Amino acid sequence: MKADSRIKRAAIPKPASGEEEIRQRAYELFEARGGEEGHELEDWLRAEEEIKGSKSNALAA
């Protein structure tokens, strides 16, 4: 059976790279604080810990 060429496949989002995931989470932390500037490094490090920590926990399970 031949696939119908008229059917368009839904785009599957590409998983974000580790750095992109961290960037997104750091921005979420920034927004949660009301956009208060001056905490960029703190946000980045916290996001990095959360992202890398969750991946480490998933591997250990």
N, C-alpha and C. Protein backbone atom coordinates (compact mmCIF):
# COMPACT_ATOMS: atom_id res chain seq x y z
N MET A 1 0.84 -1.18 0.00
CA MET A 1 0.00 0.00 0.00
C MET A 1 0.89 1.24 0.00
N LYS A 2 0.62 2.13 -0.90
CA LYS A 2 1.44 3.34 -1.06
C LYS A 2 0.89 4.46 -0.17
N ALA A 3 1.81 5.16 0.47
CA ALA A 3 1.41 6.28 1.34
C ALA A 3 0.86 7.41 0.49
N ASP A 4 -0.17 8.04 0.99
CA ASP A 4 -0.77 9.18 0.30
C ASP A 4 0.14 10.38 0.43
N SER A 5 0.64 10.86 -0.70
CA SER A 5 1.59 11.98 -0.68
C SER A 5 0.92 13.30 -0.31
N ARG A 6 -0.41 13.32 -0.27
CA ARG A 6 -1.11 14.56 0.09
C ARG A 6 -1.15 14.77 1.59
N ILE A 7 -0.90 13.72 2.36
CA ILE A 7 -0.93 13.84 3.81
C ILE A 7 0.38 14.45 4.28
N LYS A 8 0.27 15.54 4.99
CA LYS A 8 1.47 16.19 5.52
C LYS A 8 1.70 15.69 6.92
N ARG A 9 2.91 15.38 7.21
CA ARG A 9 3.26 14.90 8.54
C ARG A 9 3.48 16.08 9.47
N ALA A 10 3.04 15.90 10.70
CA ALA A 10 3.22 16.94 11.71
C ALA A 10 4.71 17.08 12.01
N ALA A 11 5.15 18.28 12.14
CA ALA A 11 6.55 18.52 12.48
C ALA A 11 6.80 18.08 13.92
N ILE A 12 7.80 17.27 14.09
CA ILE A 12 8.17 16.83 15.43
C ILE A 12 9.24 17.78 15.93
N PRO A 13 8.97 18.46 17.05
CA PRO A 13 9.97 19.41 17.53
C PRO A 13 11.27 18.70 17.90
N LYS A 14 12.34 19.33 17.51
CA LYS A 14 13.67 18.80 17.83
C LYS A 14 13.95 19.04 19.31
N PRO A 15 14.43 18.03 20.02
CA PRO A 15 14.74 18.25 21.44
C PRO A 15 15.77 19.37 21.58
N ALA A 16 15.54 20.20 22.55
CA ALA A 16 16.45 21.30 22.80
C ALA A 16 17.79 20.77 23.27
N SER A 17 18.84 21.43 22.87
CA SER A 17 20.16 21.04 23.35
C SER A 17 20.22 21.34 24.85
N GLY A 18 21.18 20.77 25.52
CA GLY A 18 21.32 21.01 26.95
C GLY A 18 21.44 22.49 27.25
N GLU A 19 22.23 23.18 26.46
CA GLU A 19 22.42 24.62 26.70
C GLU A 19 21.12 25.39 26.47
N GLU A 20 20.39 25.00 25.44
CA GLU A 20 19.12 25.68 25.16
C GLU A 20 18.11 25.42 26.27
N GLU A 21 18.08 24.22 26.80
CA GLU A 21 17.18 23.91 27.92
C GLU A 21 17.53 24.78 29.12
N ILE A 22 18.81 24.92 29.39
CA ILE A 22 19.27 25.74 30.52
C ILE A 22 18.88 27.19 30.28
N ARG A 23 19.09 27.67 29.07
CA ARG A 23 18.75 29.06 28.73
C ARG A 23 17.25 29.30 28.95
N GLN A 24 16.43 28.38 28.49
CA GLN A 24 14.98 28.53 28.65
C GLN A 24 14.59 28.54 30.13
N ARG A 25 15.17 27.63 30.90
CA ARG A 25 14.83 27.57 32.33
C ARG A 25 15.32 28.81 33.06
N ALA A 26 16.50 29.29 32.72
CA ALA A 26 17.03 30.51 33.35
C ALA A 26 16.10 31.69 33.06
N TYR A 27 15.57 31.75 31.85
CA TYR A 27 14.65 32.83 31.52
C TYR A 27 13.35 32.69 32.30
N GLU A 28 12.89 31.46 32.49
CA GLU A 28 11.69 31.24 33.31
C GLU A 28 11.91 31.74 34.74
N LEU A 29 13.09 31.49 35.27
CA LEU A 29 13.41 31.96 36.62
C LEU A 29 13.43 33.48 36.67
N PHE A 30 13.99 34.09 35.65
CA PHE A 30 14.02 35.55 35.53
C PHE A 30 12.60 36.12 35.51
N GLU A 31 11.74 35.51 34.71
CA GLU A 31 10.36 35.97 34.62
C GLU A 31 9.61 35.77 35.95
N ALA A 32 9.87 34.65 36.61
CA ALA A 32 9.19 34.35 37.87
C ALA A 32 9.54 35.37 38.94
N ARG A 33 10.70 35.99 38.82
CA ARG A 33 11.14 37.01 39.77
C ARG A 33 10.62 38.38 39.35
N GLY A 34 9.81 38.43 38.32
CA GLY A 34 9.24 39.69 37.86
C GLY A 34 10.17 40.46 36.94
N GLY A 35 11.13 39.78 36.34
CA GLY A 35 12.03 40.43 35.40
C GLY A 35 13.10 41.28 36.07
N GLU A 36 13.33 41.04 37.33
CA GLU A 36 14.35 41.79 38.06
C GLU A 36 15.74 41.42 37.54
N GLU A 37 16.47 42.40 37.09
CA GLU A 37 17.80 42.15 36.54
C GLU A 37 18.85 42.05 37.64
N GLY A 38 20.02 41.53 37.26
CA GLY A 38 21.13 41.45 38.20
C GLY A 38 21.33 40.07 38.80
N HIS A 39 20.55 39.09 38.33
CA HIS A 39 20.64 37.74 38.88
C HIS A 39 20.92 36.71 37.77
N GLU A 40 21.53 37.17 36.68
CA GLU A 40 21.72 36.32 35.52
C GLU A 40 22.53 35.07 35.84
N LEU A 41 23.64 35.25 36.53
CA LEU A 41 24.50 34.12 36.85
C LEU A 41 23.79 33.16 37.80
N GLU A 42 23.12 33.70 38.79
CA GLU A 42 22.36 32.89 39.74
C GLU A 42 21.29 32.06 39.01
N ASP A 43 20.56 32.71 38.09
CA ASP A 43 19.53 32.01 37.33
C ASP A 43 20.14 30.91 36.47
N TRP A 44 21.25 31.23 35.80
CA TRP A 44 21.91 30.26 34.93
C TRP A 44 22.36 29.04 35.74
N LEU A 45 23.02 29.28 36.86
CA LEU A 45 23.55 28.18 37.66
C LEU A 45 22.43 27.32 38.24
N ARG A 46 21.36 27.97 38.67
CA ARG A 46 20.22 27.21 39.21
C ARG A 46 19.58 26.37 38.11
N ALA A 47 19.40 26.97 36.95
CA ALA A 47 18.81 26.24 35.82
C ALA A 47 19.69 25.08 35.40
N GLU A 48 20.99 25.32 35.37
CA GLU A 48 21.94 24.27 35.00
C GLU A 48 21.86 23.11 35.99
N GLU A 49 21.79 23.43 37.26
CA GLU A 49 21.69 22.40 38.30
C GLU A 49 20.40 21.60 38.14
N GLU A 50 19.30 22.30 37.89
CA GLU A 50 18.01 21.62 37.73
C GLU A 50 18.02 20.69 36.51
N ILE A 51 18.51 21.20 35.38
CA ILE A 51 18.49 20.42 34.14
C ILE A 51 19.44 19.23 34.24
N LYS A 52 20.66 19.49 34.63
CA LYS A 52 21.64 18.41 34.71
C LYS A 52 21.29 17.44 35.82
N GLY A 53 20.75 17.94 36.91
CA GLY A 53 20.35 17.08 38.02
C GLY A 53 19.22 16.15 37.63
N SER A 54 18.25 16.66 36.86
CA SER A 54 17.14 15.81 36.45
C SER A 54 17.60 14.75 35.47
N LYS A 55 18.57 15.07 34.62
CA LYS A 55 19.10 14.08 33.68
C LYS A 55 19.90 13.02 34.42
N SER A 56 20.68 13.43 35.42
CA SER A 56 21.46 12.48 36.21
C SER A 56 20.55 11.52 36.96
N ASN A 57 19.47 12.06 37.51
CA ASN A 57 18.51 11.23 38.24
C ASN A 57 17.83 10.24 37.31
N ALA A 58 17.54 10.67 36.08
CA ALA A 58 16.89 9.78 35.12
C ALA A 58 17.83 8.64 34.73
N LEU A 59 19.10 8.90 34.62
CA LEU A 59 20.08 7.88 34.28
C LEU A 59 20.28 6.88 35.41
N ALA A 60 20.18 7.35 36.62
CA ALA A 60 20.39 6.51 37.79
C ALA A 60 19.21 5.57 38.03
N ALA A 61 18.04 5.95 37.54
CA ALA A 61 16.82 5.15 37.78
C ALA A 61 16.80 3.87 36.98
